[in-house]
Amino acid sequence: MTKKKQDEWQFFRKPSGHIAYNKKCLHCKRKCKQSYRVVILRCDLFDKRR
């Protein structure tokens, strides 16, 4: 894995080292998953549910 890819995934890693996604993205089939650290910024499926 390149240095750039490692830096990108660091934002998704919990202190334990596991990659974690936002609760609302866990069961989504799309590839646009967001980190557990952020508030959902933009998601078409989430907007439709509201």
PDB file of N, CA and C in Angstrom:
ATOM      1  N   MET A   1       0.842  -1.168   0.000  1.00  0.00           N
ATOM      2  CA  MET A   1       0.000   0.000   0.000  1.00  0.00           C
ATOM      3  C   MET A   1       0.892   1.237   0.000  1.00  0.00           C
ATOM      4  N   THR A   2       0.515   2.236  -0.766  1.00  0.00           N
ATOM      5  CA  THR A   2       1.322   3.448  -0.843  1.00  0.00           C
ATOM      6  C   THR A   2       1.103   4.319   0.384  1.00  0.00           C
ATOM      7  N   LYS A   3       1.999   5.236   0.585  1.00  0.00           N
ATOM      8  CA  LYS A   3       1.926   6.157   1.734  1.00  0.00           C
ATOM      9  C   LYS A   3       0.637   6.968   1.700  1.00  0.00           C
ATOM     10  N   LYS A   4       0.235   7.403   0.500  1.00  0.00           N
ATOM     11  CA  LYS A   4      -0.982   8.207   0.373  1.00  0.00           C
ATOM     12  C   LYS A   4      -2.209   7.403   0.796  1.00  0.00           C
ATOM     13  N   LYS A   5      -2.290   6.149   0.370  1.00  0.00           N
ATOM     14  CA  LYS A   5      -3.410   5.292   0.744  1.00  0.00           C
ATOM     15  C   LYS A   5      -3.439   5.051   2.255  1.00  0.00           C
ATOM     16  N   GLN A   6      -2.295   4.871   2.859  1.00  0.00           N
ATOM     17  CA  GLN A   6      -2.228   4.655   4.303  1.00  0.00           C
ATOM     18  C   GLN A   6      -2.730   5.885   5.045  1.00  0.00           C
ATOM     19  N   ASP A   7      -2.361   7.066   4.573  1.00  0.00           N
ATOM     20  CA  ASP A   7      -2.813   8.303   5.203  1.00  0.00           C
ATOM     21  C   ASP A   7      -4.328   8.468   5.078  1.00  0.00           C
ATOM     22  N   GLU A   8      -4.896   8.082   3.924  1.00  0.00           N
ATOM     23  CA  GLU A   8      -6.339   8.172   3.733  1.00  0.00           C
ATOM     24  C   GLU A   8      -7.074   7.247   4.707  1.00  0.00           C
ATOM     25  N   TRP A   9      -6.613   6.021   4.863  1.00  0.00           N
ATOM     26  CA  TRP A   9      -7.281   5.063   5.731  1.00  0.00           C
ATOM     27  C   TRP A   9      -7.086   5.389   7.204  1.00  0.00           C
ATOM     28  N   GLN A  10      -6.088   6.173   7.535  1.00  0.00           N
ATOM     29  CA  GLN A  10      -5.843   6.540   8.935  1.00  0.00           C
ATOM     30  C   GLN A  10      -7.041   7.284   9.523  1.00  0.00           C
ATOM     31  N   PHE A  11      -7.749   8.041   8.697  1.00  0.00           N
ATOM     32  CA  PHE A  11      -8.931   8.787   9.141  1.00  0.00           C
ATOM     33  C   PHE A  11     -10.069   7.837   9.530  1.00  0.00           C
ATOM     34  N   PHE A  12     -10.102   6.639   8.964  1.00  0.00           N
ATOM     35  CA  PHE A  12     -11.146   5.662   9.238  1.00  0.00           C
ATOM     36  C   PHE A  12     -10.802   4.736  10.396  1.00  0.00           C
ATOM     37  N   ARG A  13      -9.563   4.716  10.824  1.00  0.00           N
ATOM     38  CA  ARG A  13      -9.131   3.760  11.849  1.00  0.00           C
ATOM     39  C   ARG A  13      -9.449   4.254  13.261  1.00  0.00           C
ATOM     40  N   LYS A  14      -9.968   3.343  14.054  1.00  0.00           N
ATOM     41  CA  LYS A  14     -10.179   3.617  15.475  1.00  0.00           C
ATOM     42  C   LYS A  14      -8.844   3.430  16.180  1.00  0.00           C
ATOM     43  N   PRO A  15      -8.729   3.864  17.430  1.00  0.00           N
ATOM     44  CA  PRO A  15      -7.472   3.667  18.168  1.00  0.00           C
ATOM     45  C   PRO A  15      -7.028   2.205  18.235  1.00  0.00           C
ATOM     46  N   SER A  16      -7.975   1.288  18.133  1.00  0.00           N
ATOM     47  CA  SER A  16      -7.624  -0.138  18.163  1.00  0.00           C
ATOM     48  C   SER A  16      -7.017  -0.608  16.837  1.00  0.00           C
ATOM     49  N   GLY A  17      -7.116   0.216  15.793  1.00  0.00           N
ATOM     50  CA  GLY A  17      -6.541  -0.135  14.500  1.00  0.00           C
ATOM     51  C   GLY A  17      -7.548  -0.654  13.490  1.00  0.00           C
ATOM     52  N   HIS A  18      -8.776  -0.903  13.919  1.00  0.00           N
ATOM     53  CA  HIS A  18      -9.806  -1.407  13.015  1.00  0.00           C
ATOM     54  C   HIS A  18     -10.407  -0.261  12.207  1.00  0.00           C
ATOM     55  N   ILE A  19     -10.770  -0.535  10.960  1.00  0.00           N
ATOM     56  CA  ILE A  19     -11.420   0.459  10.116  1.00  0.00           C
ATOM     57  C   ILE A  19     -12.894   0.509  10.502  1.00  0.00           C
ATOM     58  N   ALA A  20     -13.410   1.729  10.716  1.00  0.00           N
ATOM     59  CA  ALA A  20     -14.798   1.894  11.130  1.00  0.00           C
ATOM     60  C   ALA A  20     -15.484   2.947  10.264  1.00  0.00           C
ATOM     61  N   TYR A  21     -16.727   2.651   9.904  1.00  0.00           N
ATOM     62  CA  TYR A  21     -17.522   3.560   9.087  1.00  0.00           C
ATOM     63  C   TYR A  21     -18.617   4.187   9.939  1.00  0.00           C
ATOM     64  N   ASN A  22     -19.231   5.225   9.416  1.00  0.00           N
ATOM     65  CA  ASN A  22     -20.352   5.882  10.062  1.00  0.00           C
ATOM     66  C   ASN A  22     -21.493   4.876  10.221  1.00  0.00           C
ATOM     67  N   LYS A  23     -22.284   4.991  11.285  1.00  0.00           N
ATOM     68  CA  LYS A  23     -23.377   4.049  11.546  1.00  0.00           C
ATOM     69  C   LYS A  23     -24.346   3.950  10.372  1.00  0.00           C
ATOM     70  N   LYS A  24     -24.627   5.072   9.751  1.00  0.00           N
ATOM     71  CA  LYS A  24     -25.586   5.086   8.657  1.00  0.00           C
ATOM     72  C   LYS A  24     -25.018   4.470   7.379  1.00  0.00           C
ATOM     73  N   CYS A  25     -23.717   4.315   7.310  1.00  0.00           N
ATOM     74  CA  CYS A  25     -23.071   3.753   6.119  1.00  0.00           C
ATOM     75  C   CYS A  25     -22.786   2.259   6.243  1.00  0.00           C
ATOM     76  N   LEU A  26     -22.927   1.702   7.404  1.00  0.00           N
ATOM     77  CA  LEU A  26     -22.534   0.306   7.622  1.00  0.00           C
ATOM     78  C   LEU A  26     -23.219  -0.680   6.680  1.00  0.00           C
ATOM     79  N   HIS A  27     -24.515  -0.557   6.483  1.00  0.00           N
ATOM     80  CA  HIS A  27     -25.254  -1.523   5.686  1.00  0.00           C
ATOM     81  C   HIS A  27     -25.500  -1.060   4.258  1.00  0.00           C
ATOM     82  N   CYS A  28     -24.967   0.065   3.899  1.00  0.00           N
ATOM     83  CA  CYS A  28     -25.133   0.609   2.554  1.00  0.00           C
ATOM     84  C   CYS A  28     -24.264  -0.173   1.568  1.00  0.00           C
ATOM     85  N   LYS A  29     -24.769  -0.404   0.378  1.00  0.00           N
ATOM     86  CA  LYS A  29     -24.037  -1.170  -0.630  1.00  0.00           C
ATOM     87  C   LYS A  29     -23.125  -0.287  -1.478  1.00  0.00           C
ATOM     88  N   ARG A  30     -23.267   1.015  -1.365  1.00  0.00           N
ATOM     89  CA  ARG A  30     -22.449   1.926  -2.161  1.00  0.00           C
ATOM     90  C   ARG A  30     -21.016   1.981  -1.648  1.00  0.00           C
ATOM     91  N   LYS A  31     -20.116   2.477  -2.474  1.00  0.00           N
ATOM     92  CA  LYS A  31     -18.700   2.552  -2.108  1.00  0.00           C
ATOM     93  C   LYS A  31     -18.332   3.884  -1.461  1.00  0.00           C
ATOM     94  N   CYS A  32     -19.297   4.766  -1.288  1.00  0.00           N
ATOM     95  CA  CYS A  32     -19.016   6.119  -0.784  1.00  0.00           C
ATOM     96  C   CYS A  32     -19.066   6.193   0.739  1.00  0.00           C
ATOM     97  N   LYS A  33     -18.688   5.165   1.427  1.00  0.00           N
ATOM     98  CA  LYS A  33     -18.782   5.121   2.893  1.00  0.00           C
ATOM     99  C   LYS A  33     -17.942   6.219   3.536  1.00  0.00           C
ATOM    100  N   GLN A  34     -18.453   6.761   4.639  1.00  0.00           N
ATOM    101  CA  GLN A  34     -17.791   7.840   5.344  1.00  0.00           C
ATOM    102  C   GLN A  34     -17.272   7.353   6.688  1.00  0.00           C
ATOM    103  N   SER A  35     -16.288   8.046   7.193  1.00  0.00           N
ATOM    104  CA  SER A  35     -15.647   7.675   8.449  1.00  0.00           C
ATOM    105  C   SER A  35     -16.596   7.825   9.632  1.00  0.00           C
ATOM    106  N   TYR A  36     -16.323   7.083  10.674  1.00  0.00           N
ATOM    107  CA  TYR A  36     -17.129   7.184  11.896  1.00  0.00           C
ATOM    108  C   TYR A  36     -16.935   8.539  12.570  1.00  0.00           C
ATOM    109  N   ARG A  37     -15.923   9.265  12.205  1.00  0.00           N
ATOM    110  CA  ARG A  37     -15.611  10.547  12.840  1.00  0.00           C
ATOM    111  C   ARG A  37     -16.442  11.716  12.330  1.00  0.00           C
ATOM    112  N   VAL A  38     -17.082  11.584  11.186  1.00  0.00           N
ATOM    113  CA  VAL A  38     -17.774  12.717  10.577  1.00  0.00           C
ATOM    114  C   VAL A  38     -19.276  12.623  10.735  1.00  0.00           C
ATOM    115  N   VAL A  39     -19.909  13.780  10.634  1.00  0.00           N
ATOM    116  CA  VAL A  39     -21.353  13.844  10.500  1.00  0.00           C
ATOM    117  C   VAL A  39     -21.608  13.674   9.004  1.00  0.00           C
ATOM    118  N   ILE A  40     -22.663  12.976   8.630  1.00  0.00           N
ATOM    119  CA  ILE A  40     -22.929  12.723   7.207  1.00  0.00           C
ATOM    120  C   ILE A  40     -22.954  14.051   6.461  1.00  0.00           C
ATOM    121  N   LEU A  41     -22.077  14.170   5.488  1.00  0.00           N
ATOM    122  CA  LEU A  41     -21.990  15.392   4.706  1.00  0.00           C
ATOM    123  C   LEU A  41     -22.948  15.381   3.527  1.00  0.00           C
ATOM    124  N   ARG A  42     -22.918  14.299   2.776  1.00  0.00           N
ATOM    125  CA  ARG A  42     -23.750  14.221   1.584  1.00  0.00           C
ATOM    126  C   ARG A  42     -24.020  12.756   1.275  1.00  0.00           C
ATOM    127  N   CYS A  43     -25.278  12.395   1.237  1.00  0.00           N
ATOM    128  CA  CYS A  43     -25.653  11.033   0.871  1.00  0.00           C
ATOM    129  C   CYS A  43     -27.048  11.080   0.261  1.00  0.00           C
ATOM    130  N   ASP A  44     -27.170  10.686  -0.998  1.00  0.00           N
ATOM    131  CA  ASP A  44     -28.458  10.720  -1.682  1.00  0.00           C
ATOM    132  C   ASP A  44     -29.474   9.789  -1.028  1.00  0.00           C
ATOM    133  N   LEU A  45     -29.047   8.609  -0.625  1.00  0.00           N
ATOM    134  CA  LEU A  45     -29.970   7.673   0.016  1.00  0.00           C
ATOM    135  C   LEU A  45     -30.466   8.201   1.355  1.00  0.00           C
ATOM    136  N   PHE A  46     -29.583   8.801   2.129  1.00  0.00           N
ATOM    137  CA  PHE A  46     -29.956   9.351   3.426  1.00  0.00           C
ATOM    138  C   PHE A  46     -30.946  10.509   3.250  1.00  0.00           C
ATOM    139  N   ASP A  47     -30.716  11.350   2.238  1.00  0.00           N
ATOM    140  CA  ASP A  47     -31.612  12.472   1.952  1.00  0.00           C
ATOM    141  C   ASP A  47     -32.996  11.988   1.546  1.00  0.00           C
ATOM    142  N   LYS A  48     -33.074  10.889   0.786  1.00  0.00           N
ATOM    143  CA  LYS A  48     -34.363  10.360   0.337  1.00  0.00           C
ATOM    144  C   LYS A  48     -35.150   9.797   1.511  1.00  0.00           C
ATOM    145  N   ARG A  49     -34.480   9.204   2.478  1.00  0.00           N
ATOM    146  CA  ARG A  49     -35.152   8.619   3.647  1.00  0.00           C
ATOM    147  C   ARG A  49     -35.783   9.677   4.538  1.00  0.00           C
ATOM    148  N   ARG A  50     -35.192  10.844   4.571  1.00  0.00           N
ATOM    149  CA  ARG A  50     -35.703  11.918   5.415  1.00  0.00           C
ATOM    150  C   ARG A  50     -36.981  12.387   4.828  1.00  0.00           C
TER     151      ARG A  50
END
